[in-house]
Protein backbone atom coordinates (compact mmCIF):
# COMPACT_ATOMS: atom_id res chain seq x y z
CA MET A 1 105.17 105.15 96.33
CA THR A 2 103.35 101.82 96.43
CA ALA A 3 103.27 100.11 93.04
CA ALA A 4 99.79 99.47 91.68
CA ARG A 5 98.83 95.80 91.56
CA ARG A 6 98.62 94.65 87.96
CA PRO A 7 95.68 92.47 86.96
CA ARG A 8 96.93 89.22 85.35
CA GLY A 9 93.84 88.14 83.45
CA VAL A 10 90.67 89.61 82.02
CA HIS A 11 88.58 88.49 85.01
CA GLU A 12 90.92 90.28 87.40
CA LEU A 13 90.72 93.32 85.15
CA ILE A 14 86.94 93.54 85.06
CA ALA A 15 86.84 93.12 88.84
CA VAL A 16 88.61 96.48 89.26
CA LEU A 17 87.21 98.49 86.36
CA PRO A 18 85.02 101.39 87.52
CA ALA A 19 81.59 102.47 86.29
CA VAL A 20 81.37 103.52 82.66
CA PRO A 21 81.42 107.32 83.20
CA VAL A 22 84.53 107.02 85.40
CA LEU A 23 86.28 104.78 82.88
CA ARG A 24 85.48 107.21 80.08
CA ASP A 25 86.96 110.08 82.08
CA ARG A 26 90.10 108.06 82.79
CA CYS A 27 90.56 107.33 79.10
CA ARG A 28 90.12 110.98 78.23
CA ALA A 29 92.52 112.15 80.95
CA LEU A 30 95.23 109.70 79.82
CA ALA A 31 94.88 110.93 76.24
CA ALA A 32 95.07 114.57 77.32
CA LEU A 33 98.23 113.90 79.33
CA GLU A 34 99.84 112.24 76.32
CA ALA A 35 98.88 115.18 74.11
CA VAL A 36 100.61 117.56 76.53
CA ILE A 37 103.69 115.50 77.26
CA GLY A 38 104.30 114.19 73.75
CA GLY A 39 106.62 111.26 73.21
CA ARG A 40 109.28 109.49 71.26
CA TYR A 41 106.82 107.27 69.40
CA GLY A 42 103.65 109.36 69.29
CA SER A 43 100.79 109.17 71.77
CA TYR A 44 100.77 106.01 73.88
CA PHE A 45 97.19 106.79 74.97
CA ASP A 46 94.59 108.52 72.80
CA TYR A 47 90.88 109.28 72.78
CA ASP A 48 88.63 109.67 69.74
CA PRO A 49 85.22 111.22 70.51
CA GLY A 50 84.09 110.55 66.94
CA TRP A 51 85.30 106.99 66.35
CA GLY A 52 81.97 106.04 64.81
CA PRO A 53 78.29 107.07 64.83
CA GLY A 54 77.49 107.75 68.48
CA THR A 55 80.68 105.96 69.48
CA GLU A 56 83.77 107.20 71.32
CA ALA A 57 87.01 105.27 71.75
CA GLY A 58 89.71 105.09 74.39
CA LEU A 59 92.89 103.86 72.76
CA MET A 60 96.33 102.56 73.68
CA ASN A 61 99.14 101.65 71.31
CA ASN A 62 102.69 101.14 72.54
CA GLY A 63 104.17 101.23 69.05
CA ALA A 64 105.55 97.73 69.43
CA GLY A 65 102.51 95.66 68.50
CA ASP A 66 100.47 95.88 71.70
CA GLU A 67 97.22 97.81 71.83
CA TYR A 68 93.75 98.17 73.25
CA THR A 69 90.51 99.83 72.19
CA ILE A 70 87.57 100.59 74.47
CA LEU A 71 84.45 101.59 72.54
CA PHE A 72 81.74 103.60 74.30
CA THR A 73 78.70 102.87 72.14
CA PRO A 74 74.93 103.49 72.43
CA ASP A 75 74.59 99.79 73.36
CA GLY A 76 77.26 99.82 76.05
CA VAL A 77 81.01 99.36 76.17
CA PHE A 78 83.13 96.89 74.22
CA GLY A 79 86.81 96.46 75.08
CA ARG A 80 89.50 94.45 73.38
CA GLY A 81 93.24 94.24 73.76
CA PHE A 82 96.04 92.52 71.92
CA ASP A 83 99.41 91.43 73.27
CA HIS A 84 101.46 90.38 70.27
CA GLU A 85 103.70 88.14 72.38
CA SER A 86 100.87 86.45 74.28
CA SER A 87 100.60 82.67 74.26
CA MET A 88 96.89 83.32 73.64
CA SER A 89 97.41 85.21 70.38
CA PRO A 90 95.54 83.82 67.35
CA TYR A 91 98.91 83.61 65.62
CA THR A 92 99.96 80.79 67.97
CA ASN A 93 97.51 78.26 66.50
CA GLU A 94 97.12 76.85 63.01
CA ASP A 95 93.57 78.03 62.38
CA MET A 96 94.34 81.51 63.75
CA ALA A 97 91.16 81.49 65.81
CA LEU A 98 90.54 83.52 68.94
CA TRP A 99 91.33 81.79 72.22
CA PRO A 100 88.62 79.35 73.40
CA GLY A 101 86.01 81.06 75.53
CA LEU A 102 87.19 84.57 74.73
CA VAL A 103 84.04 85.64 72.85
CA ASP A 104 81.69 82.65 73.21
CA THR A 105 79.30 84.63 75.43
CA LEU A 106 79.79 88.02 73.78
CA PRO A 107 76.34 89.63 73.33
CA GLU A 108 75.01 89.75 69.77
CA VAL A 109 74.96 93.53 69.82
CA PHE A 110 78.76 93.59 70.01
CA ARG A 111 79.52 90.68 67.67
CA PRO A 112 79.83 92.81 64.50
CA LEU A 113 82.76 94.58 66.17
CA LEU A 114 84.81 91.39 66.04
CA ASP A 115 85.07 91.89 62.27
CA GLU A 116 85.79 95.61 62.47
CA PRO A 117 88.74 96.17 60.09
CA ALA A 118 90.65 98.07 62.78
CA PHE A 119 90.59 94.90 64.90
CA CYS A 120 91.57 92.46 62.16
CA ASP A 121 94.70 91.56 60.23
CA ASP A 122 93.23 90.60 56.87
CA GLU A 123 90.70 87.96 58.01
CA VAL A 124 92.36 87.24 61.36
CA ARG A 125 90.51 88.63 64.38
CA VAL A 126 93.24 90.15 66.51
CA ALA A 127 92.60 90.01 70.26
CA THR A 128 93.88 88.32 73.41
CA VAL A 129 91.56 90.21 75.80
CA VAL A 130 87.84 90.93 75.35
CA PHE A 131 85.37 92.40 77.87
CA TRP A 132 82.09 94.27 77.73
CA ARG A 133 79.23 95.93 79.56
CA GLU A 134 75.81 96.43 78.01
CA THR A 135 73.82 99.51 79.00
CA HIS A 136 71.56 97.44 81.28
CA ASP A 137 74.42 95.54 82.94
CA THR A 138 75.35 96.22 86.53
CA ALA A 139 78.86 94.76 86.16
CA TRP A 140 81.61 94.22 83.61
CA ARG A 141 81.62 90.86 81.85
CA ALA A 142 84.03 88.59 80.00
CA GLY A 143 83.99 85.12 78.50
CA GLN A 144 84.80 81.94 80.41
CA VAL A 145 88.44 81.93 79.43
CA GLU A 146 90.54 79.14 80.91
CA TYR A 147 94.19 79.77 81.65
CA GLU A 148 96.94 77.22 82.04
CA GLU A 149 99.84 78.15 84.29
CA HIS A 150 101.95 79.50 81.42
CA ASP A 151 99.12 81.36 79.65
CA ASP A 152 99.08 85.16 79.74
CA ASP A 153 96.59 87.29 77.82
CA GLY A 154 98.68 90.44 78.31
CA THR A 155 96.14 92.18 80.54
CA GLY A 156 98.77 93.07 83.13
CA HIS A 157 100.90 95.31 80.95
CA LEU A 158 98.17 96.41 78.53
CA PHE A 159 95.76 97.79 81.11
CA HIS A 160 97.71 98.37 84.32
CA VAL A 161 97.71 102.19 84.12
CA LEU A 162 94.03 102.36 83.19
CA ALA A 163 93.04 99.80 85.84
CA ALA A 164 94.97 101.58 88.58
CA GLY A 165 93.30 104.82 87.55
CA THR A 166 95.41 107.17 89.66
CA PRO A 167 97.70 110.12 88.91
CA GLU A 168 100.46 108.27 90.75
CA ALA A 169 100.16 105.22 88.49
CA TYR A 170 100.35 107.39 85.39
CA GLN A 171 103.32 109.31 86.79
CA ALA A 172 105.22 106.08 87.48
CA PHE A 173 104.52 104.81 83.96
CA ALA A 174 105.29 108.09 82.18
CA GLU A 175 108.49 108.86 84.04
CA THR A 176 109.84 105.48 82.99
CA TYR A 177 108.50 105.70 79.44
CA TYR A 178 109.60 109.27 78.77
CA GLY A 179 112.73 109.19 80.91
CA ARG A 180 112.10 112.38 82.87
CA GLN A 181 110.42 113.57 86.02
CA LEU A 182 106.85 114.82 85.79
CA ASP A 183 104.92 117.15 88.09
CA LEU A 184 102.39 115.13 90.08
CA GLU A 185 100.14 118.10 90.87
CA ALA A 186 99.86 118.92 87.18
CA ILE A 187 98.98 115.29 86.45
CA ARG A 188 96.32 115.45 89.18
CA HIS A 189 94.89 118.58 87.55
CA VAL A 190 94.43 116.72 84.25
CA PHE A 191 93.10 113.58 85.94
CA ALA A 192 90.39 115.71 87.53
CA LEU A 193 89.43 116.95 84.03
CA ARG A 194 89.91 120.56 85.06
CA PRO A 195 90.15 123.00 82.13
CA LEU A 196 93.63 123.01 80.61
CA ALA A 197 95.77 125.92 81.82
CA ASP A 198 99.08 127.29 80.56
CA ASP A 199 100.81 126.65 83.89
CA VAL A 200 99.78 122.98 83.75
CA VAL A 201 101.15 122.64 80.22
CA GLU A 202 104.37 124.37 81.31
CA ALA A 203 104.75 122.07 84.32
CA LEU A 204 104.34 118.93 82.23
CA ASN A 205 106.21 119.98 79.10
CA PRO A 206 108.18 123.24 79.17
CA GLN A 207 109.04 122.86 75.47
CA ALA A 208 105.42 122.50 74.36
CA ASP A 209 103.69 124.98 72.06
CA PRO A 210 100.61 125.90 74.15
CA ASP A 211 98.41 126.54 71.12
CA ALA A 212 99.36 123.25 69.45
CA VAL A 213 98.80 121.41 72.72
CA THR A 214 95.41 123.05 73.17
CA ARG A 215 94.30 121.87 69.72
CA ALA A 216 95.56 118.33 70.36
CA VAL A 217 93.91 118.13 73.78
CA ALA A 218 90.63 119.60 72.51
CA ALA A 219 90.54 116.88 69.84
CA THR A 220 90.20 114.31 72.63
CA GLY A 221 87.08 116.02 73.99
CA TYR A 222 88.93 117.21 77.09
CA PRO A 223 87.86 120.68 78.37
CA VAL A 224 90.34 123.39 77.40
CA GLY A 225 88.57 126.34 79.03
CA GLY A 226 88.75 129.70 77.34
CA ARG A 227 92.01 129.18 75.46
CA PRO A 228 91.77 129.89 71.71
CA MET A 229 92.05 126.84 69.45
């Protein structure tokens, strides 16, 4: 299996991100897979179809201080990530400001999100990666961030599974993270957003309670077919 190339900075990330509907489906598929497989520290990936009024959210939290949120809003998509060990963290400078250039060109419609409590630690705006795409945009955008040789915004490890966007990339990540082999065909089934089936649940997690899994997966907005909830 060829390892997926990991983007090293936000501009490399936005160069490989797909169209909004495809990205939304990827986020939902990753969340559904996590709901089926379970984990030692809770769901690594999640999806909230009711994050806010008219807004859905693709989420990642590794349980160790690193996270991302991708908001699908009526005005477009706003993404932010935080690598707690990044040299570009606001905690590395005295005024605890965001890295120069990170949000200087952020459209006004998304600016209130910078002060969203979920993205702040008290009054500190917590982000090392920010990108966006308004509804009328034809491409993803990010600020004019300048990197020195030693600077790393954390994009590579925060977004590599999402950016790769393949069942194989998720399998490689999950087998390492969960420490067990996972059925690639079952992963492909979920990536294609096909209705959840008992045999797929069994293939991915033989110990899972199918009814509990169905409820958890349905909460992400993923299709569960005719199974009772």
